[in-house]
PDB file of N, CA and C in Angstrom:
ATOM      1  N   MET A   1     -25.415  62.543  11.819  1.00  0.00           N
ATOM      2  CA  MET A   1     -26.236  61.362  12.033  1.00  0.00           C
ATOM      3  C   MET A   1     -26.753  61.314  13.455  1.00  0.00           C
ATOM      4  N   LYS A   2     -25.893  61.614  14.418  1.00  0.00           N
ATOM      5  CA  LYS A   2     -26.332  61.589  15.810  1.00  0.00           C
ATOM      6  C   LYS A   2     -27.402  62.642  16.060  1.00  0.00           C
ATOM      7  N   LEU A   3     -27.251  63.793  15.429  1.00  0.00           N
ATOM      8  CA  LEU A   3     -28.246  64.844  15.584  1.00  0.00           C
ATOM      9  C   LEU A   3     -29.594  64.391  15.045  1.00  0.00           C
ATOM     10  N   LEU A   4     -29.605  63.712  13.904  1.00  0.00           N
ATOM     11  CA  LEU A   4     -30.842  63.199  13.337  1.00  0.00           C
ATOM     12  C   LEU A   4     -31.503  62.230  14.308  1.00  0.00           C
ATOM     13  N   ALA A   5     -30.720  61.334  14.895  1.00  0.00           N
ATOM     14  CA  ALA A   5     -31.274  60.359  15.839  1.00  0.00           C
ATOM     15  C   ALA A   5     -31.878  61.063  17.043  1.00  0.00           C
ATOM     16  N   VAL A   6     -31.180  62.043  17.565  1.00  0.00           N
ATOM     17  CA  VAL A   6     -31.689  62.777  18.722  1.00  0.00           C
ATOM     18  C   VAL A   6     -32.970  63.515  18.374  1.00  0.00           C
ATOM     19  N   LEU A   7     -32.979  64.186  17.235  1.00  0.00           N
ATOM     20  CA  LEU A   7     -34.174  64.915  16.823  1.00  0.00           C
ATOM     21  C   LEU A   7     -35.354  63.983  16.599  1.00  0.00           C
ATOM     22  N   MET A   8     -35.092  62.853  15.975  1.00  0.00           N
ATOM     23  CA  MET A   8     -36.168  61.905  15.711  1.00  0.00           C
ATOM     24  C   MET A   8     -36.736  61.332  17.006  1.00  0.00           C
ATOM     25  N   LEU A   9     -35.856  60.965  17.912  1.00  0.00           N
ATOM     26  CA  LEU A   9     -36.306  60.355  19.159  1.00  0.00           C
ATOM     27  C   LEU A   9     -36.946  61.366  20.105  1.00  0.00           C
ATOM     28  N   THR A  10     -36.680  62.655  19.927  1.00  0.00           N
ATOM     29  CA  THR A  10     -37.342  63.656  20.754  1.00  0.00           C
ATOM     30  C   THR A  10     -38.621  64.179  20.108  1.00  0.00           C
ATOM     31  N   ALA A  11     -38.662  64.226  18.793  1.00  0.00           N
ATOM     32  CA  ALA A  11     -39.832  64.766  18.108  1.00  0.00           C
ATOM     33  C   ALA A  11     -41.019  63.808  18.147  1.00  0.00           C
ATOM     34  N   LEU A  12     -40.777  62.537  17.985  1.00  0.00           N
ATOM     35  CA  LEU A  12     -41.895  61.596  17.951  1.00  0.00           C
ATOM     36  C   LEU A  12     -42.648  61.508  19.275  1.00  0.00           C
ATOM     37  N   PRO A  13     -41.993  61.491  20.429  1.00  0.00           N
ATOM     38  CA  PRO A  13     -42.777  61.497  21.671  1.00  0.00           C
ATOM     39  C   PRO A  13     -43.612  62.764  21.820  1.00  0.00           C
ATOM     40  N   LEU A  14     -43.088  63.909  21.371  1.00  0.00           N
ATOM     41  CA  LEU A  14     -43.872  65.135  21.424  1.00  0.00           C
ATOM     42  C   LEU A  14     -45.078  65.043  20.499  1.00  0.00           C
ATOM     43  N   TYR A  15     -44.895  64.427  19.352  1.00  0.00           N
ATOM     44  CA  TYR A  15     -45.997  64.214  18.409  1.00  0.00           C
ATOM     45  C   TYR A  15     -47.082  63.360  19.051  1.00  0.00           C
ATOM     46  N   CYS A  16     -46.669  62.421  19.882  1.00  0.00           N
ATOM     47  CA  CYS A  16     -47.590  61.481  20.496  1.00  0.00           C
ATOM     48  C   CYS A  16     -48.083  61.936  21.872  1.00  0.00           C
ATOM     49  N   TYR A  17     -47.682  63.120  22.312  1.00  0.00           N
ATOM     50  CA  TYR A  17     -47.968  63.567  23.667  1.00  0.00           C
ATOM     51  C   TYR A  17     -49.461  63.487  24.001  1.00  0.00           C
ATOM     52  N   ALA A  18     -50.316  63.861  23.065  1.00  0.00           N
ATOM     53  CA  ALA A  18     -51.748  63.882  23.336  1.00  0.00           C
ATOM     54  C   ALA A  18     -52.349  62.486  23.445  1.00  0.00           C
ATOM     55  N   ASP A  19     -51.711  61.502  22.902  1.00  0.00           N
ATOM     56  CA  ASP A  19     -52.226  60.135  22.895  1.00  0.00           C
ATOM     57  C   ASP A  19     -51.332  59.275  23.778  1.00  0.00           C
ATOM     58  N   SER A  20     -51.876  58.772  24.882  1.00  0.00           N
ATOM     59  CA  SER A  20     -51.044  58.031  25.832  1.00  0.00           C
ATOM     60  C   SER A  20     -50.554  56.703  25.268  1.00  0.00           C
ATOM     61  N   ASP A  21     -51.214  56.185  24.257  1.00  0.00           N
ATOM     62  CA  ASP A  21     -50.775  54.938  23.642  1.00  0.00           C
ATOM     63  C   ASP A  21     -50.572  55.183  22.158  1.00  0.00           C
ATOM     64  N   CYS A  22     -49.497  55.828  21.826  1.00  0.00           N
ATOM     65  CA  CYS A  22     -49.244  56.225  20.443  1.00  0.00           C
ATOM     66  C   CYS A  22     -48.792  55.015  19.630  1.00  0.00           C
ATOM     67  N   LYS A  23     -49.663  54.497  18.815  1.00  0.00           N
ATOM     68  CA  LYS A  23     -49.364  53.303  18.028  1.00  0.00           C
ATOM     69  C   LYS A  23     -48.262  53.561  17.003  1.00  0.00           C
ATOM     70  N   MET A  24     -48.259  54.760  16.423  1.00  0.00           N
ATOM     71  CA  MET A  24     -47.246  55.064  15.424  1.00  0.00           C
ATOM     72  C   MET A  24     -45.854  55.058  16.054  1.00  0.00           C
ATOM     73  N   PHE A  25     -45.718  55.686  17.224  1.00  0.00           N
ATOM     74  CA  PHE A  25     -44.422  55.730  17.893  1.00  0.00           C
ATOM     75  C   PHE A  25     -43.979  54.330  18.304  1.00  0.00           C
ATOM     76  N   ASN A  26     -44.890  53.561  18.883  1.00  0.00           N
ATOM     77  CA  ASN A  26     -44.547  52.190  19.283  1.00  0.00           C
ATOM     78  C   ASN A  26     -44.169  51.345  18.075  1.00  0.00           C
ATOM     79  N   GLY A  27     -44.868  51.536  16.963  1.00  0.00           N
ATOM     80  CA  GLY A  27     -44.536  50.810  15.737  1.00  0.00           C
ATOM     81  C   GLY A  27     -43.162  51.186  15.209  1.00  0.00           C
ATOM     82  N   MET A  28     -42.825  52.477  15.307  1.00  0.00           N
ATOM     83  CA  MET A  28     -41.511  52.924  14.859  1.00  0.00           C
ATOM     84  C   MET A  28     -40.414  52.305  15.713  1.00  0.00           C
ATOM     85  N   VAL A  29     -40.625  52.261  17.023  1.00  0.00           N
ATOM     86  CA  VAL A  29     -39.631  51.664  17.911  1.00  0.00           C
ATOM     87  C   VAL A  29     -39.481  50.178  17.603  1.00  0.00           C
ATOM     88  N   GLU A  30     -40.599  49.490  17.417  1.00  0.00           N
ATOM     89  CA  GLU A  30     -40.546  48.058  17.102  1.00  0.00           C
ATOM     90  C   GLU A  30     -39.803  47.805  15.791  1.00  0.00           C
ATOM     91  N   LYS A  31     -40.094  48.600  14.785  1.00  0.00           N
ATOM     92  CA  LYS A  31     -39.428  48.424  13.481  1.00  0.00           C
ATOM     93  C   LYS A  31     -37.945  48.780  13.567  1.00  0.00           C
ATOM     94  N   THR A  32     -37.607  49.757  14.413  1.00  0.00           N
ATOM     95  CA  THR A  32     -36.204  50.124  14.588  1.00  0.00           C
ATOM     96  C   THR A  32     -35.425  48.974  15.196  1.00  0.00           C
ATOM     97  N   LEU A  33     -36.016  48.289  16.159  1.00  0.00           N
ATOM     98  CA  LEU A  33     -35.324  47.227  16.881  1.00  0.00           C
ATOM     99  C   LEU A  33     -35.446  45.850  16.222  1.00  0.00           C
ATOM    100  N   ASP A  34     -36.331  45.706  15.249  1.00  0.00           N
ATOM    101  CA  ASP A  34     -36.558  44.410  14.607  1.00  0.00           C
ATOM    102  C   ASP A  34     -35.458  44.122  13.587  1.00  0.00           C
ATOM    103  N   PRO A  35     -34.656  43.082  13.825  1.00  0.00           N
ATOM    104  CA  PRO A  35     -33.574  42.772  12.877  1.00  0.00           C
ATOM    105  C   PRO A  35     -34.072  42.228  11.535  1.00  0.00           C
ATOM    106  N   GLU A  36     -35.334  41.879  11.448  1.00  0.00           N
ATOM    107  CA  GLU A  36     -35.901  41.368  10.198  1.00  0.00           C
ATOM    108  C   GLU A  36     -36.322  42.498   9.248  1.00  0.00           C
ATOM    109  N   VAL A  37     -36.388  43.724   9.747  1.00  0.00           N
ATOM    110  CA  VAL A  37     -36.796  44.868   8.926  1.00  0.00           C
ATOM    111  C   VAL A  37     -35.549  45.492   8.310  1.00  0.00           C
ATOM    112  N   SER A  38     -35.524  45.572   6.991  1.00  0.00           N
ATOM    113  CA  SER A  38     -34.376  46.155   6.284  1.00  0.00           C
ATOM    114  C   SER A  38     -34.446  47.685   6.358  1.00  0.00           C
ATOM    115  N   PRO A  39     -33.328  48.349   6.098  1.00  0.00           N
ATOM    116  CA  PRO A  39     -33.360  49.821   6.061  1.00  0.00           C
ATOM    117  C   PRO A  39     -34.365  50.371   5.045  1.00  0.00           C
ATOM    118  N   THR A  40     -34.497  49.711   3.913  1.00  0.00           N
ATOM    119  CA  THR A  40     -35.458  50.155   2.898  1.00  0.00           C
ATOM    120  C   THR A  40     -36.888  50.018   3.404  1.00  0.00           C
ATOM    121  N   GLN A  41     -37.208  48.902   4.038  1.00  0.00           N
ATOM    122  CA  GLN A  41     -38.545  48.712   4.604  1.00  0.00           C
ATOM    123  C   GLN A  41     -38.816  49.733   5.705  1.00  0.00           C
ATOM    124  N   TYR A  42     -37.801  50.032   6.490  1.00  0.00           N
ATOM    125  CA  TYR A  42     -37.925  51.006   7.572  1.00  0.00           C
ATOM    126  C   TYR A  42     -38.283  52.380   7.015  1.00  0.00           C
ATOM    127  N   VAL A  43     -37.592  52.792   5.955  1.00  0.00           N
ATOM    128  CA  VAL A  43     -37.867  54.086   5.332  1.00  0.00           C
ATOM    129  C   VAL A  43     -39.267  54.092   4.719  1.00  0.00           C
ATOM    130  N   GLN A  44     -39.685  52.991   4.125  1.00  0.00           N
ATOM    131  CA  GLN A  44     -41.033  52.914   3.552  1.00  0.00           C
ATOM    132  C   GLN A  44     -42.089  53.083   4.642  1.00  0.00           C
ATOM    133  N   TYR A  45     -41.858  52.489   5.814  1.00  0.00           N
ATOM    134  CA  TYR A  45     -42.794  52.602   6.928  1.00  0.00           C
ATOM    135  C   TYR A  45     -42.907  54.057   7.397  1.00  0.00           C
ATOM    136  N   LEU A  46     -41.793  54.765   7.402  1.00  0.00           N
ATOM    137  CA  LEU A  46     -41.771  56.147   7.882  1.00  0.00           C
ATOM    138  C   LEU A  46     -41.954  57.178   6.776  1.00  0.00           C
ATOM    139  N   GLN A  47     -42.255  56.750   5.568  1.00  0.00           N
ATOM    140  CA  GLN A  47     -42.361  57.641   4.409  1.00  0.00           C
ATOM    141  C   GLN A  47     -43.258  58.853   4.641  1.00  0.00           C
ATOM    142  N   PRO A  48     -44.389  58.738   5.340  1.00  0.00           N
ATOM    143  CA  PRO A  48     -45.230  59.935   5.546  1.00  0.00           C
ATOM    144  C   PRO A  48     -44.525  61.061   6.313  1.00  0.00           C
ATOM    145  N   PHE A  49     -43.446  60.737   7.012  1.00  0.00           N
ATOM    146  CA  PHE A  49     -42.749  61.729   7.824  1.00  0.00           C
ATOM    147  C   PHE A  49     -41.418  62.172   7.218  1.00  0.00           C
ATOM    148  N   ILE A  50     -41.125  61.696   6.021  1.00  0.00           N
ATOM    149  CA  ILE A  50     -39.854  62.001   5.363  1.00  0.00           C
ATOM    150  C   ILE A  50     -40.095  63.075   4.313  1.00  0.00           C
ATOM    151  N   SER A  51     -39.363  64.184   4.462  1.00  0.00           N
ATOM    152  CA  SER A  51     -39.595  65.310   3.559  1.00  0.00           C
ATOM    153  C   SER A  51     -38.598  65.395   2.411  1.00  0.00           C
ATOM    154  N   ASP A  52     -37.436  64.729   2.552  1.00  0.00           N
ATOM    155  CA  ASP A  52     -36.447  64.823   1.481  1.00  0.00           C
ATOM    156  C   ASP A  52     -35.549  63.582   1.479  1.00  0.00           C
ATOM    157  N   GLU A  53     -34.719  63.504   0.460  1.00  0.00           N
ATOM    158  CA  GLU A  53     -33.852  62.340   0.279  1.00  0.00           C
ATOM    159  C   GLU A  53     -32.787  62.245   1.371  1.00  0.00           C
ATOM    160  N   GLU A  54     -32.307  63.381   1.853  1.00  0.00           N
ATOM    161  CA  GLU A  54     -31.289  63.358   2.910  1.00  0.00           C
ATOM    162  C   GLU A  54     -31.833  62.702   4.179  1.00  0.00           C
ATOM    163  N   THR A  55     -33.083  62.973   4.495  1.00  0.00           N
ATOM    164  CA  THR A  55     -33.710  62.357   5.666  1.00  0.00           C
ATOM    165  C   THR A  55     -33.837  60.857   5.472  1.00  0.00           C
ATOM    166  N   ALA A  56     -34.227  60.442   4.267  1.00  0.00           N
ATOM    167  CA  ALA A  56     -34.351  59.015   3.972  1.00  0.00           C
ATOM    168  C   ALA A  56     -33.000  58.315   4.125  1.00  0.00           C
ATOM    169  N   VAL A  57     -31.952  58.936   3.618  1.00  0.00           N
ATOM    170  CA  VAL A  57     -30.607  58.360   3.734  1.00  0.00           C
ATOM    171  C   VAL A  57     -30.205  58.279   5.203  1.00  0.00           C
ATOM    172  N   GLY A  58     -30.488  59.330   5.974  1.00  0.00           N
ATOM    173  CA  GLY A  58     -30.168  59.335   7.394  1.00  0.00           C
ATOM    174  C   GLY A  58     -30.903  58.252   8.154  1.00  0.00           C
ATOM    175  N   LEU A  59     -32.173  58.039   7.803  1.00  0.00           N
ATOM    176  CA  LEU A  59     -32.946  56.993   8.468  1.00  0.00           C
ATOM    177  C   LEU A  59     -32.435  55.596   8.111  1.00  0.00           C
ATOM    178  N   LYS A  60     -31.987  55.433   6.875  1.00  0.00           N
ATOM    179  CA  LYS A  60     -31.396  54.144   6.495  1.00  0.00           C
ATOM    180  C   LYS A  60     -30.134  53.879   7.307  1.00  0.00           C
ATOM    181  N   GLU A  61     -29.320  54.917   7.479  1.00  0.00           N
ATOM    182  CA  GLU A  61     -28.111  54.763   8.286  1.00  0.00           C
ATOM    183  C   GLU A  61     -28.458  54.497   9.751  1.00  0.00           C
ATOM    184  N   PHE A  62     -29.467  55.187  10.251  1.00  0.00           N
ATOM    185  CA  PHE A  62     -29.939  54.994  11.622  1.00  0.00           C
ATOM    186  C   PHE A  62     -30.363  53.545  11.834  1.00  0.00           C
ATOM    187  N   LYS A  63     -31.157  53.011  10.910  1.00  0.00           N
ATOM    188  CA  LYS A  63     -31.614  51.616  11.008  1.00  0.00           C
ATOM    189  C   LYS A  63     -30.430  50.659  10.914  1.00  0.00           C
ATOM    190  N   GLN A  64     -29.482  50.965  10.032  1.00  0.00           N
ATOM    191  CA  GLN A  64     -28.322  50.092   9.871  1.00  0.00           C
ATOM    192  C   GLN A  64     -27.513  50.010  11.164  1.00  0.00           C
ATOM    193  N   CYS A  65     -27.470  51.091  11.912  1.00  0.00           N
ATOM    194  CA  CYS A  65     -26.775  51.067  13.217  1.00  0.00           C
ATOM    195  C   CYS A  65     -27.377  50.001  14.120  1.00  0.00           C
ATOM    196  N   PHE A  66     -28.696  49.875  14.122  1.00  0.00           N
ATOM    197  CA  PHE A  66     -29.353  48.863  14.951  1.00  0.00           C
ATOM    198  C   PHE A  66     -29.151  47.464  14.385  1.00  0.00           C
ATOM    199  N   LEU A  67     -29.068  47.356  13.060  1.00  0.00           N
ATOM    200  CA  LEU A  67     -28.821  46.048  12.460  1.00  0.00           C
ATOM    201  C   LEU A  67     -27.408  45.552  12.774  1.00  0.00           C
ATOM    202  N   ASN A  68     -26.489  46.483  13.019  1.00  0.00           N
ATOM    203  CA  ASN A  68     -25.110  46.107  13.323  1.00  0.00           C
ATOM    204  C   ASN A  68     -24.925  45.645  14.767  1.00  0.00           C
ATOM    205  N   LEU A  69     -25.916  45.865  15.612  1.00  0.00           N
ATOM    206  CA  LEU A  69     -25.815  45.449  17.016  1.00  0.00           C
ATOM    207  C   LEU A  69     -25.972  43.945  17.141  1.00  0.00           C
ATOM    208  N   ASN A  70     -25.346  43.380  18.157  1.00  0.00           N
ATOM    209  CA  ASN A  70     -25.519  41.944  18.376  1.00  0.00           C
ATOM    210  C   ASN A  70     -26.880  41.695  19.031  1.00  0.00           C
ATOM    211  N   PRO A  71     -27.410  40.472  18.940  1.00  0.00           N
ATOM    212  CA  PRO A  71     -28.744  40.172  19.467  1.00  0.00           C
ATOM    213  C   PRO A  71     -28.907  40.484  20.958  1.00  0.00           C
ATOM    214  N   GLU A  72     -27.869  40.282  21.741  1.00  0.00           N
ATOM    215  CA  GLU A  72     -27.978  40.561  23.172  1.00  0.00           C
ATOM    216  C   GLU A  72     -28.176  42.056  23.436  1.00  0.00           C
ATOM    217  N   THR A  73     -27.482  42.889  22.689  1.00  0.00           N
ATOM    218  CA  THR A  73     -27.629  44.330  22.847  1.00  0.00           C
ATOM    219  C   THR A  73     -29.029  44.767  22.435  1.00  0.00           C
ATOM    220  N   LEU A  74     -29.539  44.224  21.326  1.00  0.00           N
ATOM    221  CA  LEU A  74     -30.906  44.543  20.905  1.00  0.00           C
ATOM    222  C   LEU A  74     -31.910  44.138  21.976  1.00  0.00           C
ATOM    223  N   LYS A  75     -31.704  42.983  22.558  1.00  0.00           N
ATOM    224  CA  LYS A  75     -32.593  42.510  23.625  1.00  0.00           C
ATOM    225  C   LYS A  75     -32.571  43.493  24.796  1.00  0.00           C
ATOM    226  N   ASN A  76     -31.389  43.984  25.145  1.00  0.00           N
ATOM    227  CA  ASN A  76     -31.265  44.940  26.245  1.00  0.00           C
ATOM    228  C   ASN A  76     -31.907  46.284  25.915  1.00  0.00           C
ATOM    229  N   VAL A  77     -31.814  46.715  24.668  1.00  0.00           N
ATOM    230  CA  VAL A  77     -32.456  47.966  24.251  1.00  0.00           C
ATOM    231  C   VAL A  77     -33.971  47.817  24.345  1.00  0.00           C
ATOM    232  N   LYS A  78     -34.499  46.678  23.907  1.00  0.00           N
ATOM    233  CA  LYS A  78     -35.943  46.429  24.017  1.00  0.00           C
ATOM    234  C   LYS A  78     -36.382  46.432  25.472  1.00  0.00           C
ATOM    235  N   LEU A  79     -35.601  45.809  26.330  1.00  0.00           N
ATOM    236  CA  LEU A  79     -35.919  45.775  27.757  1.00  0.00           C
ATOM    237  C   LEU A  79     -35.898  47.193  28.339  1.00  0.00           C
ATOM    238  N   MET A  80     -34.894  47.979  27.973  1.00  0.00           N
ATOM    239  CA  MET A  80     -34.800  49.352  28.460  1.00  0.00           C
ATOM    240  C   MET A  80     -36.013  50.162  28.018  1.00  0.00           C
ATOM    241  N   GLU A  81     -36.419  50.003  26.770  1.00  0.00           N
ATOM    242  CA  GLU A  81     -37.574  50.737  26.249  1.00  0.00           C
ATOM    243  C   GLU A  81     -38.835  50.373  27.032  1.00  0.00           C
ATOM    244  N   LYS A  82     -39.022  49.096  27.326  1.00  0.00           N
ATOM    245  CA  LYS A  82     -40.188  48.673  28.107  1.00  0.00           C
ATOM    246  C   LYS A  82     -40.137  49.217  29.523  1.00  0.00           C
ATOM    247  N   LEU A  83     -38.959  49.179  30.140  1.00  0.00           N
ATOM    248  CA  LEU A  83     -38.821  49.702  31.504  1.00  0.00           C
ATOM    249  C   LEU A  83     -39.116  51.196  31.561  1.00  0.00           C
ATOM    250  N   ILE A  84     -38.651  51.926  30.570  1.00  0.00           N
ATOM    251  CA  ILE A  84     -38.920  53.370  30.534  1.00  0.00           C
ATOM    252  C   ILE A  84     -40.403  53.621  30.358  1.00  0.00           C
ATOM    253  N   ASN A  85     -41.037  52.935  29.413  1.00  0.00           N
ATOM    254  CA  ASN A  85     -42.464  53.148  29.158  1.00  0.00           C
ATOM    255  C   ASN A  85     -43.328  52.737  30.336  1.00  0.00           C
ATOM    256  N   ASN A  86     -42.895  51.768  31.119  1.00  0.00           N
ATOM    257  CA  ASN A  86     -43.692  51.291  32.247  1.00  0.00           C
ATOM    258  C   ASN A  86     -43.305  51.949  33.563  1.00  0.00           C
ATOM    259  N   SER A  87     -42.397  52.894  33.533  1.00  0.00           N
ATOM    260  CA  SER A  87     -41.964  53.545  34.766  1.00  0.00           C
ATOM    261  C   SER A  87     -43.026  54.519  35.262  1.00  0.00           C
ATOM    262  N   PRO A  88     -43.059  54.755  36.552  1.00  0.00           N
ATOM    263  CA  PRO A  88     -44.024  55.712  37.114  1.00  0.00           C
ATOM    264  C   PRO A  88     -43.845  57.130  36.554  1.00  0.00           C
ATOM    265  N   LEU A  89     -42.640  57.480  36.151  1.00  0.00           N
ATOM    266  CA  LEU A  89     -42.402  58.805  35.603  1.00  0.00           C
ATOM    267  C   LEU A  89     -43.100  59.033  34.255  1.00  0.00           C
ATOM    268  N   CYS A  90     -43.433  57.950  33.566  1.00  0.00           N
ATOM    269  CA  CYS A  90     -44.087  58.064  32.258  1.00  0.00           C
ATOM    270  C   CYS A  90     -45.602  57.915  32.361  1.00  0.00           C
ATOM    271  N   ASP A  91     -46.136  57.717  33.542  1.00  0.00           N
ATOM    272  CA  ASP A  91     -47.569  57.500  33.683  1.00  0.00           C
ATOM    273  C   ASP A  91     -48.409  58.656  33.134  1.00  0.00           C
ATOM    274  N   GLY A  92     -47.913  59.863  33.272  1.00  0.00           N
ATOM    275  CA  GLY A  92     -48.659  61.031  32.784  1.00  0.00           C
ATOM    276  C   GLY A  92     -48.634  61.203  31.283  1.00  0.00           C
ATOM    277  N   TYR A  93     -47.807  60.402  30.607  1.00  0.00           N
ATOM    278  CA  TYR A  93     -47.676  60.541  29.157  1.00  0.00           C
ATOM    279  C   TYR A  93     -48.274  59.368  28.482  1.00  0.00           C
TER     280      TYR A  93
END
């Protein structure tokens, strides 16, 4: 499961490398952190990128990990994501 998360979080930025404002990647991050989005809805959103049932199951588990976090932790993850995206080191991307 951890390997899937690492691969997903590293592959999507590379996919978006050519576009400095990748709407798909930002949408995926928003849906990952949104407690109102169920694991099933999350998988439906990412369906174009899912090649098999094992990936779908892994993504459901990945989303469930975020649903298990308390609201304060989710808030901090959102803040961290914004700080990273707005950092000078990310200006070239």
